[in-house]
Amino acid sequence: MQLLLGVGYAAFMLAAVNLAHELAPAAIGSTAQTFLTGFGFAAGTGVGELAAGRLLDVVGVQSMYAYAAAVGFAVVAVSALLDGSLGADGFVPADG
């Protein structure tokens, strides 16, 4: 699982940094990447840690993993619905 997590994290970071670079004006490309990493990921991690801590307090250690898995599956389903790949032929959406 750690191998998959590492590959997924690396792919996400590469895509996020490239998106920040594409969307930002050329003069502030590095600043946009720094802002994305420093504020976006840090705030997301902080909120996620607080939510996970609260969930742990409410449901306990063993049940927390079931709730986290359910949330993960829900996020994947919503993402697939939003990009139109859920129910499509094949697993990877076509470029274009």
PDB file of N, CA and C in Angstrom:
ATOM      1  N   MET A   1       0.816  -1.192   0.000  1.00  0.00           N
ATOM      2  CA  MET A   1       0.000   0.000   0.000  1.00  0.00           C
ATOM      3  C   MET A   1       0.857   1.252   0.000  1.00  0.00           C
ATOM      4  N   GLN A   2       1.982   1.211   0.716  1.00  0.00           N
ATOM      5  CA  GLN A   2       2.839   2.393   0.763  1.00  0.00           C
ATOM      6  C   GLN A   2       3.413   2.715  -0.614  1.00  0.00           C
ATOM      7  N   LEU A   3       3.698   1.685  -1.399  1.00  0.00           N
ATOM      8  CA  LEU A   3       4.193   1.908  -2.752  1.00  0.00           C
ATOM      9  C   LEU A   3       3.141   2.635  -3.579  1.00  0.00           C
ATOM     10  N   LEU A   4       1.900   2.190  -3.506  1.00  0.00           N
ATOM     11  CA  LEU A   4       0.823   2.846  -4.239  1.00  0.00           C
ATOM     12  C   LEU A   4       0.588   4.256  -3.730  1.00  0.00           C
ATOM     13  N   LEU A   5       0.664   4.444  -2.424  1.00  0.00           N
ATOM     14  CA  LEU A   5       0.496   5.774  -1.851  1.00  0.00           C
ATOM     15  C   LEU A   5       1.586   6.710  -2.361  1.00  0.00           C
ATOM     16  N   GLY A   6       2.803   6.234  -2.393  1.00  0.00           N
ATOM     17  CA  GLY A   6       3.914   7.056  -2.873  1.00  0.00           C
ATOM     18  C   GLY A   6       3.758   7.446  -4.332  1.00  0.00           C
ATOM     19  N   VAL A   7       3.367   6.502  -5.166  1.00  0.00           N
ATOM     20  CA  VAL A   7       3.168   6.786  -6.590  1.00  0.00           C
ATOM     21  C   VAL A   7       2.003   7.762  -6.770  1.00  0.00           C
ATOM     22  N   GLY A   8       0.921   7.533  -6.041  1.00  0.00           N
ATOM     23  CA  GLY A   8      -0.226   8.431  -6.135  1.00  0.00           C
ATOM     24  C   GLY A   8       0.101   9.833  -5.667  1.00  0.00           C
ATOM     25  N   TYR A   9       0.834   9.945  -4.572  1.00  0.00           N
ATOM     26  CA  TYR A   9       1.222  11.253  -4.052  1.00  0.00           C
ATOM     27  C   TYR A   9       2.138  11.971  -5.033  1.00  0.00           C
ATOM     28  N   ALA A  10       3.094  11.267  -5.599  1.00  0.00           N
ATOM     29  CA  ALA A  10       4.009  11.878  -6.568  1.00  0.00           C
ATOM     30  C   ALA A  10       3.259  12.355  -7.801  1.00  0.00           C
ATOM     31  N   ALA A  11       2.332  11.554  -8.302  1.00  0.00           N
ATOM     32  CA  ALA A  11       1.547  11.958  -9.471  1.00  0.00           C
ATOM     33  C   ALA A  11       0.679  13.165  -9.155  1.00  0.00           C
ATOM     34  N   PHE A  12       0.067  13.187  -7.974  1.00  0.00           N
ATOM     35  CA  PHE A  12      -0.756  14.324  -7.581  1.00  0.00           C
ATOM     36  C   PHE A  12       0.074  15.590  -7.464  1.00  0.00           C
ATOM     37  N   MET A  13       1.222  15.515  -6.797  1.00  0.00           N
ATOM     38  CA  MET A  13       2.079  16.697  -6.639  1.00  0.00           C
ATOM     39  C   MET A  13       2.547  17.217  -7.993  1.00  0.00           C
ATOM     40  N   LEU A  14       2.925  16.333  -8.887  1.00  0.00           N
ATOM     41  CA  LEU A  14       3.361  16.743 -10.223  1.00  0.00           C
ATOM     42  C   LEU A  14       2.225  17.453 -10.953  1.00  0.00           C
ATOM     43  N   ALA A  15       1.033  16.886 -10.902  1.00  0.00           N
ATOM     44  CA  ALA A  15      -0.114  17.492 -11.582  1.00  0.00           C
ATOM     45  C   ALA A  15      -0.485  18.829 -10.957  1.00  0.00           C
ATOM     46  N   ALA A  16      -0.460  18.918  -9.638  1.00  0.00           N
ATOM     47  CA  ALA A  16      -0.835  20.164  -8.964  1.00  0.00           C
ATOM     48  C   ALA A  16       0.152  21.281  -9.263  1.00  0.00           C
ATOM     49  N   VAL A  17       1.434  20.981  -9.220  1.00  0.00           N
ATOM     50  CA  VAL A  17       2.449  21.992  -9.513  1.00  0.00           C
ATOM     51  C   VAL A  17       2.361  22.425 -10.975  1.00  0.00           C
ATOM     52  N   ASN A  18       2.151  21.474 -11.889  1.00  0.00           N
ATOM     53  CA  ASN A  18       2.012  21.836 -13.302  1.00  0.00           C
ATOM     54  C   ASN A  18       0.779  22.696 -13.541  1.00  0.00           C
ATOM     55  N   LEU A  19      -0.327  22.396 -12.858  1.00  0.00           N
ATOM     56  CA  LEU A  19      -1.540  23.198 -12.996  1.00  0.00           C
ATOM     57  C   LEU A  19      -1.307  24.617 -12.478  1.00  0.00           C
ATOM     58  N   ALA A  20      -0.659  24.753 -11.336  1.00  0.00           N
ATOM     59  CA  ALA A  20      -0.352  26.082 -10.805  1.00  0.00           C
ATOM     60  C   ALA A  20       0.530  26.848 -11.776  1.00  0.00           C
ATOM     61  N   HIS A  21       1.490  26.171 -12.372  1.00  0.00           N
ATOM     62  CA  HIS A  21       2.385  26.815 -13.338  1.00  0.00           C
ATOM     63  C   HIS A  21       1.620  27.270 -14.585  1.00  0.00           C
ATOM     64  N   GLU A  22       0.694  26.440 -15.070  1.00  0.00           N
ATOM     65  CA  GLU A  22      -0.087  26.788 -16.263  1.00  0.00           C
ATOM     66  C   GLU A  22      -1.047  27.941 -16.015  1.00  0.00           C
ATOM     67  N   LEU A  23      -1.676  27.972 -14.856  1.00  0.00           N
ATOM     68  CA  LEU A  23      -2.708  28.967 -14.579  1.00  0.00           C
ATOM     69  C   LEU A  23      -2.150  30.315 -14.148  1.00  0.00           C
ATOM     70  N   ALA A  24      -0.962  30.332 -13.590  1.00  0.00           N
ATOM     71  CA  ALA A  24      -0.386  31.579 -13.091  1.00  0.00           C
ATOM     72  C   ALA A  24       0.297  32.347 -14.223  1.00  0.00           C
ATOM     73  N   PRO A  25       0.269  33.676 -14.148  1.00  0.00           N
ATOM     74  CA  PRO A  25       1.053  34.463 -15.111  1.00  0.00           C
ATOM     75  C   PRO A  25       2.539  34.113 -14.990  1.00  0.00           C
ATOM     76  N   ALA A  26       3.273  34.281 -16.068  1.00  0.00           N
ATOM     77  CA  ALA A  26       4.687  33.870 -16.098  1.00  0.00           C
ATOM     78  C   ALA A  26       5.511  34.542 -15.010  1.00  0.00           C
ATOM     79  N   ALA A  27       5.187  35.785 -14.685  1.00  0.00           N
ATOM     80  CA  ALA A  27       5.980  36.527 -13.708  1.00  0.00           C
ATOM     81  C   ALA A  27       5.855  35.972 -12.295  1.00  0.00           C
ATOM     82  N   ILE A  28       4.772  35.275 -12.004  1.00  0.00           N
ATOM     83  CA  ILE A  28       4.590  34.770 -10.639  1.00  0.00           C
ATOM     84  C   ILE A  28       4.413  33.251 -10.597  1.00  0.00           C
ATOM     85  N   GLY A  29       4.932  32.543 -11.580  1.00  0.00           N
ATOM     86  CA  GLY A  29       4.788  31.084 -11.632  1.00  0.00           C
ATOM     87  C   GLY A  29       5.331  30.384 -10.408  1.00  0.00           C
ATOM     88  N   SER A  30       6.539  30.750  -9.974  1.00  0.00           N
ATOM     89  CA  SER A  30       7.130  30.124  -8.789  1.00  0.00           C
ATOM     90  C   SER A  30       6.362  30.492  -7.532  1.00  0.00           C
ATOM     91  N   THR A  31       5.895  31.735  -7.462  1.00  0.00           N
ATOM     92  CA  THR A  31       5.121  32.170  -6.305  1.00  0.00           C
ATOM     93  C   THR A  31       3.813  31.390  -6.211  1.00  0.00           C
ATOM     94  N   ALA A  32       3.172  31.143  -7.342  1.00  0.00           N
ATOM     95  CA  ALA A  32       1.918  30.383  -7.347  1.00  0.00           C
ATOM     96  C   ALA A  32       2.147  28.955  -6.874  1.00  0.00           C
ATOM     97  N   GLN A  33       3.257  28.358  -7.303  1.00  0.00           N
ATOM     98  CA  GLN A  33       3.570  27.002  -6.874  1.00  0.00           C
ATOM     99  C   GLN A  33       3.853  26.967  -5.372  1.00  0.00           C
ATOM    100  N   THR A  34       4.562  27.956  -4.871  1.00  0.00           N
ATOM    101  CA  THR A  34       4.860  28.029  -3.444  1.00  0.00           C
ATOM    102  C   THR A  34       3.592  28.254  -2.639  1.00  0.00           C
ATOM    103  N   PHE A  35       2.735  29.147  -3.123  1.00  0.00           N
ATOM    104  CA  PHE A  35       1.472  29.421  -2.436  1.00  0.00           C
ATOM    105  C   PHE A  35       0.615  28.161  -2.384  1.00  0.00           C
ATOM    106  N   LEU A  36       0.525  27.449  -3.507  1.00  0.00           N
ATOM    107  CA  LEU A  36      -0.249  26.210  -3.554  1.00  0.00           C
ATOM    108  C   LEU A  36       0.267  25.207  -2.533  1.00  0.00           C
ATOM    109  N   THR A  37       1.558  25.018  -2.496  1.00  0.00           N
ATOM    110  CA  THR A  37       2.142  24.047  -1.578  1.00  0.00           C
ATOM    111  C   THR A  37       2.041  24.517  -0.131  1.00  0.00           C
ATOM    112  N   GLY A  38       2.445  25.741   0.107  1.00  0.00           N
ATOM    113  CA  GLY A  38       2.503  26.243   1.480  1.00  0.00           C
ATOM    114  C   GLY A  38       1.149  26.426   2.134  1.00  0.00           C
ATOM    115  N   PHE A  39       0.233  27.016   1.408  1.00  0.00           N
ATOM    116  CA  PHE A  39      -1.061  27.313   2.010  1.00  0.00           C
ATOM    117  C   PHE A  39      -2.110  26.253   1.683  1.00  0.00           C
ATOM    118  N   GLY A  40      -2.204  25.870   0.444  1.00  0.00           N
ATOM    119  CA  GLY A  40      -3.231  24.912   0.043  1.00  0.00           C
ATOM    120  C   GLY A  40      -3.067  23.554   0.675  1.00  0.00           C
ATOM    121  N   PHE A  41      -1.899  22.972   0.548  1.00  0.00           N
ATOM    122  CA  PHE A  41      -1.679  21.638   1.094  1.00  0.00           C
ATOM    123  C   PHE A  41      -1.593  21.675   2.617  1.00  0.00           C
ATOM    124  N   ALA A  42      -0.976  22.712   3.163  1.00  0.00           N
ATOM    125  CA  ALA A  42      -0.857  22.807   4.622  1.00  0.00           C
ATOM    126  C   ALA A  42      -2.232  22.971   5.265  1.00  0.00           C
ATOM    127  N   ALA A  43      -3.056  23.834   4.696  1.00  0.00           N
ATOM    128  CA  ALA A  43      -4.403  24.028   5.250  1.00  0.00           C
ATOM    129  C   ALA A  43      -5.227  22.749   5.093  1.00  0.00           C
ATOM    130  N   GLY A  44      -5.127  22.107   3.942  1.00  0.00           N
ATOM    131  CA  GLY A  44      -5.855  20.858   3.722  1.00  0.00           C
ATOM    132  C   GLY A  44      -5.416  19.769   4.686  1.00  0.00           C
ATOM    133  N   THR A  45      -4.133  19.672   4.923  1.00  0.00           N
ATOM    134  CA  THR A  45      -3.618  18.679   5.855  1.00  0.00           C
ATOM    135  C   THR A  45      -4.074  18.989   7.277  1.00  0.00           C
ATOM    136  N   GLY A  46      -4.024  20.256   7.648  1.00  0.00           N
ATOM    137  CA  GLY A  46      -4.455  20.648   8.990  1.00  0.00           C
ATOM    138  C   GLY A  46      -5.921  20.336   9.234  1.00  0.00           C
ATOM    139  N   VAL A  47      -6.765  20.691   8.277  1.00  0.00           N
ATOM    140  CA  VAL A  47      -8.198  20.411   8.413  1.00  0.00           C
ATOM    141  C   VAL A  47      -8.446  18.904   8.426  1.00  0.00           C
ATOM    142  N   GLY A  48      -7.747  18.177   7.567  1.00  0.00           N
ATOM    143  CA  GLY A  48      -7.888  16.721   7.536  1.00  0.00           C
ATOM    144  C   GLY A  48      -7.464  16.070   8.846  1.00  0.00           C
ATOM    145  N   GLU A  49      -6.381  16.541   9.428  1.00  0.00           N
ATOM    146  CA  GLU A  49      -5.922  15.990  10.707  1.00  0.00           C
ATOM    147  C   GLU A  49      -6.918  16.292  11.824  1.00  0.00           C
ATOM    148  N   LEU A  50      -7.469  17.500  11.832  1.00  0.00           N
ATOM    149  CA  LEU A  50      -8.475  17.837  12.841  1.00  0.00           C
ATOM    150  C   LEU A  50      -9.725  16.979  12.684  1.00  0.00           C
ATOM    151  N   ALA A  51     -10.164  16.792  11.440  1.00  0.00           N
ATOM    152  CA  ALA A  51     -11.347  15.963  11.198  1.00  0.00           C
ATOM    153  C   ALA A  51     -11.083  14.504  11.588  1.00  0.00           C
ATOM    154  N   ALA A  52      -9.900  13.999  11.269  1.00  0.00           N
ATOM    155  CA  ALA A  52      -9.565  12.620  11.624  1.00  0.00           C
ATOM    156  C   ALA A  52      -9.481  12.455  13.140  1.00  0.00           C
ATOM    157  N   GLY A  53      -8.944  13.434  13.823  1.00  0.00           N
ATOM    158  CA  GLY A  53      -8.882  13.375  15.275  1.00  0.00           C
ATOM    159  C   GLY A  53     -10.265  13.381  15.906  1.00  0.00           C
ATOM    160  N   ARG A  54     -11.143  14.212  15.370  1.00  0.00           N
ATOM    161  CA  ARG A  54     -12.519  14.254  15.880  1.00  0.00           C
ATOM    162  C   ARG A  54     -13.236  12.927  15.601  1.00  0.00           C
ATOM    163  N   LEU A  55     -13.039  12.396  14.401  1.00  0.00           N
ATOM    164  CA  LEU A  55     -13.647  11.107  14.055  1.00  0.00           C
ATOM    165  C   LEU A  55     -13.137  10.006  14.988  1.00  0.00           C
ATOM    166  N   LEU A  56     -11.853  10.028  15.268  1.00  0.00           N
ATOM    167  CA  LEU A  56     -11.273   9.041  16.182  1.00  0.00           C
ATOM    168  C   LEU A  56     -11.918   9.141  17.561  1.00  0.00           C
ATOM    169  N   ASP A  57     -12.116  10.363  18.041  1.00  0.00           N
ATOM    170  CA  ASP A  57     -12.747  10.551  19.350  1.00  0.00           C
ATOM    171  C   ASP A  57     -14.191  10.059  19.358  1.00  0.00           C
ATOM    172  N   VAL A  58     -14.906  10.246  18.256  1.00  0.00           N
ATOM    173  CA  VAL A  58     -16.322   9.912  18.206  1.00  0.00           C
ATOM    174  C   VAL A  58     -16.552   8.411  18.033  1.00  0.00           C
ATOM    175  N   VAL A  59     -15.831   7.770  17.117  1.00  0.00           N
ATOM    176  CA  VAL A  59     -16.141   6.373  16.772  1.00  0.00           C
ATOM    177  C   VAL A  59     -15.120   5.357  17.267  1.00  0.00           C
ATOM    178  N   GLY A  60     -13.941   5.789  17.671  1.00  0.00           N
ATOM    179  CA  GLY A  60     -12.923   4.850  18.134  1.00  0.00           C
ATOM    180  C   GLY A  60     -11.965   4.462  17.015  1.00  0.00           C
ATOM    181  N   VAL A  61     -10.886   3.806  17.414  1.00  0.00           N
ATOM    182  CA  VAL A  61      -9.806   3.485  16.484  1.00  0.00           C
ATOM    183  C   VAL A  61     -10.249   2.511  15.399  1.00  0.00           C
ATOM    184  N   GLN A  62     -10.870   1.392  15.776  1.00  0.00           N
ATOM    185  CA  GLN A  62     -11.229   0.371  14.798  1.00  0.00           C
ATOM    186  C   GLN A  62     -12.260   0.877  13.792  1.00  0.00           C
ATOM    187  N   SER A  63     -13.279   1.553  14.257  1.00  0.00           N
ATOM    188  CA  SER A  63     -14.333   2.037  13.372  1.00  0.00           C
ATOM    189  C   SER A  63     -13.864   3.184  12.484  1.00  0.00           C
ATOM    190  N   MET A  64     -12.843   3.917  12.939  1.00  0.00           N
ATOM    191  CA  MET A  64     -12.357   5.051  12.156  1.00  0.00           C
ATOM    192  C   MET A  64     -11.937   4.620  10.750  1.00  0.00           C
ATOM    193  N   TYR A  65     -11.303   3.461  10.643  1.00  0.00           N
ATOM    194  CA  TYR A  65     -10.830   3.001   9.347  1.00  0.00           C
ATOM    195  C   TYR A  65     -11.996   2.688   8.404  1.00  0.00           C
ATOM    196  N   ALA A  66     -13.068   2.164   8.927  1.00  0.00           N
ATOM    197  CA  ALA A  66     -14.247   1.905   8.104  1.00  0.00           C
ATOM    198  C   ALA A  66     -14.859   3.216   7.615  1.00  0.00           C
ATOM    199  N   TYR A  67     -14.951   4.207   8.492  1.00  0.00           N
ATOM    200  CA  TYR A  67     -15.480   5.512   8.086  1.00  0.00           C
ATOM    201  C   TYR A  67     -14.552   6.176   7.065  1.00  0.00           C
ATOM    202  N   ALA A  68     -13.241   6.100   7.292  1.00  0.00           N
ATOM    203  CA  ALA A  68     -12.293   6.694   6.348  1.00  0.00           C
ATOM    204  C   ALA A  68     -12.383   6.013   4.981  1.00  0.00           C
ATOM    205  N   ALA A  69     -12.542   4.698   4.961  1.00  0.00           N
ATOM    206  CA  ALA A  69     -12.696   3.978   3.692  1.00  0.00           C
ATOM    207  C   ALA A  69     -13.992   4.378   2.996  1.00  0.00           C
ATOM    208  N   ALA A  70     -15.067   4.530   3.747  1.00  0.00           N
ATOM    209  CA  ALA A  70     -16.348   4.937   3.160  1.00  0.00           C
ATOM    210  C   ALA A  70     -16.243   6.327   2.548  1.00  0.00           C
ATOM    211  N   VAL A  71     -15.584   7.235   3.243  1.00  0.00           N
ATOM    212  CA  VAL A  71     -15.386   8.580   2.697  1.00  0.00           C
ATOM    213  C   VAL A  71     -14.528   8.516   1.444  1.00  0.00           C
ATOM    214  N   GLY A  72     -13.498   7.690   1.454  1.00  0.00           N
ATOM    215  CA  GLY A  72     -12.644   7.544   0.273  1.00  0.00           C
ATOM    216  C   GLY A  72     -13.410   7.023  -0.928  1.00  0.00           C
ATOM    217  N   PHE A  73     -14.229   6.012  -0.712  1.00  0.00           N
ATOM    218  CA  PHE A  73     -15.041   5.484  -1.813  1.00  0.00           C
ATOM    219  C   PHE A  73     -16.032   6.529  -2.309  1.00  0.00           C
ATOM    220  N   ALA A  74     -16.608   7.298  -1.406  1.00  0.00           N
ATOM    221  CA  ALA A  74     -17.548   8.355  -1.807  1.00  0.00           C
ATOM    222  C   ALA A  74     -16.843   9.413  -2.645  1.00  0.00           C
ATOM    223  N   VAL A  75     -15.634   9.787  -2.265  1.00  0.00           N
ATOM    224  CA  VAL A  75     -14.867  10.780  -3.027  1.00  0.00           C
ATOM    225  C   VAL A  75     -14.548  10.254  -4.423  1.00  0.00           C
ATOM    226  N   VAL A  76     -14.153   8.997  -4.518  1.00  0.00           N
ATOM    227  CA  VAL A  76     -13.860   8.399  -5.829  1.00  0.00           C
ATOM    228  C   VAL A  76     -15.121   8.376  -6.689  1.00  0.00           C
ATOM    229  N   ALA A  77     -16.251   8.002  -6.112  1.00  0.00           N
ATOM    230  CA  ALA A  77     -17.504   7.945  -6.881  1.00  0.00           C
ATOM    231  C   ALA A  77     -17.924   9.326  -7.361  1.00  0.00           C
ATOM    232  N   VAL A  78     -17.846  10.331  -6.492  1.00  0.00           N
ATOM    233  CA  VAL A  78     -18.215  11.692  -6.893  1.00  0.00           C
ATOM    234  C   VAL A  78     -17.258  12.205  -7.963  1.00  0.00           C
ATOM    235  N   SER A  79     -15.969  11.942  -7.794  1.00  0.00           N
ATOM    236  CA  SER A  79     -14.988  12.371  -8.803  1.00  0.00           C
ATOM    237  C   SER A  79     -15.248  11.708 -10.146  1.00  0.00           C
ATOM    238  N   ALA A  80     -15.568  10.419 -10.115  1.00  0.00           N
ATOM    239  CA  ALA A  80     -15.853   9.705 -11.365  1.00  0.00           C
ATOM    240  C   ALA A  80     -17.126  10.237 -12.015  1.00  0.00           C
ATOM    241  N   LEU A  81     -18.113  10.575 -11.211  1.00  0.00           N
ATOM    242  CA  LEU A  81     -19.337  11.154 -11.774  1.00  0.00           C
ATOM    243  C   LEU A  81     -19.072  12.523 -12.390  1.00  0.00           C
ATOM    244  N   LEU A  82     -18.260  13.327 -11.719  1.00  0.00           N
ATOM    245  CA  LEU A  82     -17.988  14.674 -12.208  1.00  0.00           C
ATOM    246  C   LEU A  82     -17.191  14.689 -13.507  1.00  0.00           C
ATOM    247  N   ASP A  83     -16.256  13.751 -13.648  1.00  0.00           N
ATOM    248  CA  ASP A  83     -15.471  13.759 -14.882  1.00  0.00           C
ATOM    249  C   ASP A  83     -16.053  12.844 -15.955  1.00  0.00           C
ATOM    250  N   GLY A  84     -17.147  12.169 -15.657  1.00  0.00           N
ATOM    251  CA  GLY A  84     -17.843  11.365 -16.654  1.00  0.00           C
ATOM    252  C   GLY A  84     -17.266   9.992 -16.891  1.00  0.00           C
ATOM    253  N   SER A  85     -16.314   9.548 -16.066  1.00  0.00           N
ATOM    254  CA  SER A  85     -15.697   8.245 -16.313  1.00  0.00           C
ATOM    255  C   SER A  85     -16.462   7.101 -15.663  1.00  0.00           C
ATOM    256  N   LEU A  86     -17.364   7.388 -14.740  1.00  0.00           N
ATOM    257  CA  LEU A  86     -18.140   6.326 -14.112  1.00  0.00           C
ATOM    258  C   LEU A  86     -19.147   5.783 -15.109  1.00  0.00           C
ATOM    259  N   GLY A  87     -19.072   4.510 -15.383  1.00  0.00           N
ATOM    260  CA  GLY A  87     -19.965   3.889 -16.344  1.00  0.00           C
ATOM    261  C   GLY A  87     -19.487   3.996 -17.780  1.00  0.00           C
ATOM    262  N   ALA A  88     -18.331   4.621 -17.988  1.00  0.00           N
ATOM    263  CA  ALA A  88     -17.797   4.751 -19.346  1.00  0.00           C
ATOM    264  C   ALA A  88     -17.091   3.456 -19.751  1.00  0.00           C
ATOM    265  N   ASP A  89     -16.915   3.266 -21.038  1.00  0.00           N
ATOM    266  CA  ASP A  89     -16.169   2.106 -21.515  1.00  0.00           C
ATOM    267  C   ASP A  89     -14.693   2.320 -21.208  1.00  0.00           C
ATOM    268  N   GLY A  90     -14.101   1.423 -20.520  1.00  0.00           N
ATOM    269  CA  GLY A  90     -12.689   1.528 -20.167  1.00  0.00           C
ATOM    270  C   GLY A  90     -12.518   2.271 -18.856  1.00  0.00           C
ATOM    271  N   PHE A  91     -11.310   2.178 -18.327  1.00  0.00           N
ATOM    272  CA  PHE A  91     -11.041   2.765 -17.007  1.00  0.00           C
ATOM    273  C   PHE A  91     -10.468   4.170 -17.092  1.00  0.00           C
ATOM    274  N   VAL A  92      -9.814   4.500 -18.172  1.00  0.00           N
ATOM    275  CA  VAL A  92      -9.136   5.790 -18.286  1.00  0.00           C
ATOM    276  C   VAL A  92      -9.874   6.636 -19.309  1.00  0.00           C
ATOM    277  N   PRO A  93     -10.277   7.872 -18.949  1.00  0.00           N
ATOM    278  CA  PRO A  93     -10.945   8.736 -19.923  1.00  0.00           C
ATOM    279  C   PRO A  93     -10.024   9.048 -21.103  1.00  0.00           C
ATOM    280  N   ALA A  94     -10.583   9.150 -22.280  1.00  0.00           N
ATOM    281  CA  ALA A  94      -9.794   9.447 -23.474  1.00  0.00           C
ATOM    282  C   ALA A  94      -9.340  10.899 -23.467  1.00  0.00           C
ATOM    283  N   ASP A  95      -8.145  11.163 -23.972  1.00  0.00           N
ATOM    284  CA  ASP A  95      -7.666  12.529 -24.105  1.00  0.00           C
ATOM    285  C   ASP A  95      -8.427  13.228 -25.208  1.00  0.00           C
ATOM    286  N   GLY A  96      -8.581  14.512 -25.043  1.00  0.00           N
ATOM    287  CA  GLY A  96      -9.199  15.236 -26.151  1.00  0.00           C
ATOM    288  C   GLY A  96     -10.253  16.061 -25.701  1.00  0.00           C
TER     289      GLY A  96
END
